[in-house]
Amino acid sequence: MKPAVSISRDNFVVDGTPTHPGRTWNGHRVEGLLFHRRASSAAFADANPKTRDLWTHADGTPWDIDRNISEFISVLPVWRACGLDAVVLSLQGGPPAHANRPVPPWQSPIRPWHSPAFGGD
């Protein structure tokens, strides 16, 4: 059975109960809040053949979108156990590096990668 998710006044409610009932953090009420993580690089795939090889996984292996998505999905239960309620995916993706990092001399400051949400077909 799928959970019933709704909003009641200023609370997120799942199956009739506000999220995180009775909980506080540092003296602030968190009941009814939706803890989420923005995961823009979870679905990142570079369609630009000139920049595709710039990306690697943390272990140094070439970037593989299928591996990245599988690893993202596999960690969701861990995050959920820590209290995460939702993830926000950017279908445009985001590069697997911080976009505001200093631009290396070999890379254009224009950020030439291309991560479309959908193929042309």
C-alpha atoms as a PDB file:
ATOM      1  CA  MET A   1       0.000   0.000   0.000  1.00  0.00           C
ATOM      2  CA  LYS A   2       1.344   3.430  -0.939  1.00  0.00           C
ATOM      3  CA  PRO A   3       1.609   6.043   1.801  1.00  0.00           C
ATOM      4  CA  ALA A   4      -0.884   8.907   1.669  1.00  0.00           C
ATOM      5  CA  VAL A   5       1.074  12.167   1.695  1.00  0.00           C
ATOM      6  CA  SER A   6      -0.617  15.517   2.227  1.00  0.00           C
ATOM      7  CA  ILE A   7      -0.137  18.973   3.693  1.00  0.00           C
ATOM      8  CA  SER A   8      -2.236  20.125   6.620  1.00  0.00           C
ATOM      9  CA  ARG A   9      -1.783  23.801   7.467  1.00  0.00           C
ATOM     10  CA  ASP A  10       1.997  24.029   7.792  1.00  0.00           C
ATOM     11  CA  ASN A  11       2.687  20.299   8.304  1.00  0.00           C
ATOM     12  CA  PHE A  12       3.645  17.526   5.945  1.00  0.00           C
ATOM     13  CA  VAL A  13       1.479  14.547   6.860  1.00  0.00           C
ATOM     14  CA  VAL A  14       2.048  10.887   5.990  1.00  0.00           C
ATOM     15  CA  ASP A  15      -0.827   8.472   6.537  1.00  0.00           C
ATOM     16  CA  GLY A  16      -2.583  11.015   8.752  1.00  0.00           C
ATOM     17  CA  THR A  17       0.405  11.699  11.036  1.00  0.00           C
ATOM     18  CA  PRO A  18       2.720  14.722  10.813  1.00  0.00           C
ATOM     19  CA  THR A  19       6.296  13.833   9.965  1.00  0.00           C
ATOM     20  CA  HIS A  20       8.622  13.582  12.964  1.00  0.00           C
ATOM     21  CA  PRO A  21       5.840  13.799  15.592  1.00  0.00           C
ATOM     22  CA  GLY A  22       6.871  15.527  18.808  1.00  0.00           C
ATOM     23  CA  ARG A  23      10.473  16.066  17.683  1.00  0.00           C
ATOM     24  CA  THR A  24      12.583  19.155  18.175  1.00  0.00           C
ATOM     25  CA  TRP A  25      16.100  20.097  17.191  1.00  0.00           C
ATOM     26  CA  ASN A  26      18.084  22.628  19.219  1.00  0.00           C
ATOM     27  CA  GLY A  27      14.840  23.819  20.761  1.00  0.00           C
ATOM     28  CA  HIS A  28      13.070  24.229  17.419  1.00  0.00           C
ATOM     29  CA  ARG A  29       9.983  22.266  16.480  1.00  0.00           C
ATOM     30  CA  VAL A  30      10.610  19.974  13.516  1.00  0.00           C
ATOM     31  CA  GLU A  31       7.316  18.101  13.628  1.00  0.00           C
ATOM     32  CA  GLY A  32       5.652  18.348  10.237  1.00  0.00           C
ATOM     33  CA  LEU A  33       8.836  19.314   8.384  1.00  0.00           C
ATOM     34  CA  LEU A  34      10.012  17.367   5.372  1.00  0.00           C
ATOM     35  CA  PHE A  35      13.720  16.618   5.617  1.00  0.00           C
ATOM     36  CA  HIS A  36      15.065  16.386   2.086  1.00  0.00           C
ATOM     37  CA  ARG A  37      18.309  16.384   0.152  1.00  0.00           C
ATOM     38  CA  ARG A  38      18.912  18.066  -3.174  1.00  0.00           C
ATOM     39  CA  ALA A  39      20.634  15.429  -5.268  1.00  0.00           C
ATOM     40  CA  SER A  40      21.282  17.135  -8.594  1.00  0.00           C
ATOM     41  CA  SER A  41      24.300  15.027  -9.476  1.00  0.00           C
ATOM     42  CA  ALA A  42      22.452  11.749  -8.798  1.00  0.00           C
ATOM     43  CA  ALA A  43      21.283  11.623 -12.421  1.00  0.00           C
ATOM     44  CA  PHE A  44      24.135  13.503 -14.088  1.00  0.00           C
ATOM     45  CA  ALA A  45      25.184  12.323 -17.537  1.00  0.00           C
ATOM     46  CA  ASP A  46      27.268  14.569 -19.775  1.00  0.00           C
ATOM     47  CA  ALA A  47      26.069  14.536 -23.391  1.00  0.00           C
ATOM     48  CA  ASN A  48      28.986  16.705 -24.548  1.00  0.00           C
ATOM     49  CA  PRO A  49      31.660  14.345 -25.952  1.00  0.00           C
ATOM     50  CA  LYS A  50      34.313  17.029 -25.385  1.00  0.00           C
ATOM     51  CA  THR A  51      33.702  17.183 -21.618  1.00  0.00           C
ATOM     52  CA  ARG A  52      32.367  13.685 -20.879  1.00  0.00           C
ATOM     53  CA  ASP A  53      35.816  12.373 -19.951  1.00  0.00           C
ATOM     54  CA  LEU A  54      36.365  15.107 -17.333  1.00  0.00           C
ATOM     55  CA  TRP A  55      34.230  13.292 -14.768  1.00  0.00           C
ATOM     56  CA  THR A  56      35.335  10.405 -12.590  1.00  0.00           C
ATOM     57  CA  HIS A  57      33.994   8.625  -9.544  1.00  0.00           C
ATOM     58  CA  ALA A  58      35.679   9.239  -6.181  1.00  0.00           C
ATOM     59  CA  ASP A  59      37.740   6.067  -6.705  1.00  0.00           C
ATOM     60  CA  GLY A  60      39.139   7.503  -9.964  1.00  0.00           C
ATOM     61  CA  THR A  61      37.244   5.232 -12.344  1.00  0.00           C
ATOM     62  CA  PRO A  62      35.534   6.799 -15.380  1.00  0.00           C
ATOM     63  CA  TRP A  63      32.092   8.291 -14.785  1.00  0.00           C
ATOM     64  CA  ASP A  64      29.290   5.783 -15.326  1.00  0.00           C
ATOM     65  CA  ILE A  65      25.723   7.086 -15.029  1.00  0.00           C
ATOM     66  CA  ASP A  66      24.291   3.603 -14.378  1.00  0.00           C
ATOM     67  CA  ARG A  67      26.765   3.022 -11.553  1.00  0.00           C
ATOM     68  CA  ASN A  68      26.037   6.462 -10.115  1.00  0.00           C
ATOM     69  CA  ILE A  69      22.277   5.910 -10.098  1.00  0.00           C
ATOM     70  CA  SER A  70      22.683   2.417  -8.601  1.00  0.00           C
ATOM     71  CA  GLU A  71      24.894   3.776  -5.816  1.00  0.00           C
ATOM     72  CA  PHE A  72      22.443   6.614  -5.191  1.00  0.00           C
ATOM     73  CA  ILE A  73      19.515   4.203  -4.915  1.00  0.00           C
ATOM     74  CA  SER A  74      21.471   1.843  -2.657  1.00  0.00           C
ATOM     75  CA  VAL A  75      22.152   4.581  -0.088  1.00  0.00           C
ATOM     76  CA  LEU A  76      18.529   5.783   0.132  1.00  0.00           C
ATOM     77  CA  PRO A  77      17.593   3.307   2.914  1.00  0.00           C
ATOM     78  CA  VAL A  78      20.580   4.496   4.968  1.00  0.00           C
ATOM     79  CA  TRP A  79      19.529   8.126   4.587  1.00  0.00           C
ATOM     80  CA  ARG A  80      15.936   7.188   5.405  1.00  0.00           C
ATOM     81  CA  ALA A  81      17.103   5.465   8.600  1.00  0.00           C
ATOM     82  CA  CYS A  82      18.817   8.746   9.520  1.00  0.00           C
ATOM     83  CA  GLY A  83      15.555  10.679   9.091  1.00  0.00           C
ATOM     84  CA  LEU A  84      15.582  11.774   5.459  1.00  0.00           C
ATOM     85  CA  ASP A  85      12.037  11.985   4.111  1.00  0.00           C
ATOM     86  CA  ALA A  86      12.580  12.885   0.459  1.00  0.00           C
ATOM     87  CA  VAL A  87      15.083  13.638  -2.264  1.00  0.00           C
ATOM     88  CA  VAL A  88      14.875  16.400  -4.839  1.00  0.00           C
ATOM     89  CA  LEU A  89      16.223  15.347  -8.222  1.00  0.00           C
ATOM     90  CA  SER A  90      17.199  17.839 -10.880  1.00  0.00           C
ATOM     91  CA  LEU A  91      16.371  16.293 -14.231  1.00  0.00           C
ATOM     92  CA  GLN A  92      18.898  18.655 -15.808  1.00  0.00           C
ATOM     93  CA  GLY A  93      21.438  17.061 -13.532  1.00  0.00           C
ATOM     94  CA  GLY A  94      24.375  18.794 -11.992  1.00  0.00           C
ATOM     95  CA  PRO A  95      28.062  18.120 -12.526  1.00  0.00           C
ATOM     96  CA  PRO A  96      29.680  15.659 -10.124  1.00  0.00           C
ATOM     97  CA  ALA A  97      31.860  18.487  -8.823  1.00  0.00           C
ATOM     98  CA  HIS A  98      31.006  21.793  -7.213  1.00  0.00           C
ATOM     99  CA  ALA A  99      30.029  24.277  -9.923  1.00  0.00           C
ATOM    100  CA  ASN A 100      31.516  27.201  -7.980  1.00  0.00           C
ATOM    101  CA  ARG A 101      34.958  25.689  -7.624  1.00  0.00           C
ATOM    102  CA  PRO A 102      37.850  27.594  -9.211  1.00  0.00           C
ATOM    103  CA  VAL A 103      37.963  26.943 -12.938  1.00  0.00           C
ATOM    104  CA  PRO A 104      41.123  25.059 -13.967  1.00  0.00           C
ATOM    105  CA  PRO A 105      43.068  26.727 -16.798  1.00  0.00           C
ATOM    106  CA  TRP A 106      42.184  23.899 -19.210  1.00  0.00           C
ATOM    107  CA  GLN A 107      38.431  24.306 -18.653  1.00  0.00           C
ATOM    108  CA  SER A 108      36.168  27.004 -20.003  1.00  0.00           C
ATOM    109  CA  PRO A 109      34.486  29.193 -17.371  1.00  0.00           C
ATOM    110  CA  ILE A 110      31.319  28.812 -19.471  1.00  0.00           C
ATOM    111  CA  ARG A 111      30.838  25.289 -18.033  1.00  0.00           C
ATOM    112  CA  PRO A 112      30.503  23.444 -21.339  1.00  0.00           C
ATOM    113  CA  TRP A 113      29.022  20.179 -20.068  1.00  0.00           C
ATOM    114  CA  HIS A 114      25.593  19.291 -21.354  1.00  0.00           C
ATOM    115  CA  SER A 115      23.213  17.304 -19.151  1.00  0.00           C
ATOM    116  CA  PRO A 116      19.791  17.311 -20.787  1.00  0.00           C
ATOM    117  CA  ALA A 117      16.846  15.821 -18.948  1.00  0.00           C
ATOM    118  CA  PHE A 118      15.563  14.053 -22.032  1.00  0.00           C
ATOM    119  CA  GLY A 119      17.003  12.833 -25.313  1.00  0.00           C
ATOM    120  CA  GLY A 120      16.087  14.453 -28.597  1.00  0.00           C
ATOM    121  CA  ASP A 121      13.988  11.475 -29.543  1.00  0.00           C
END
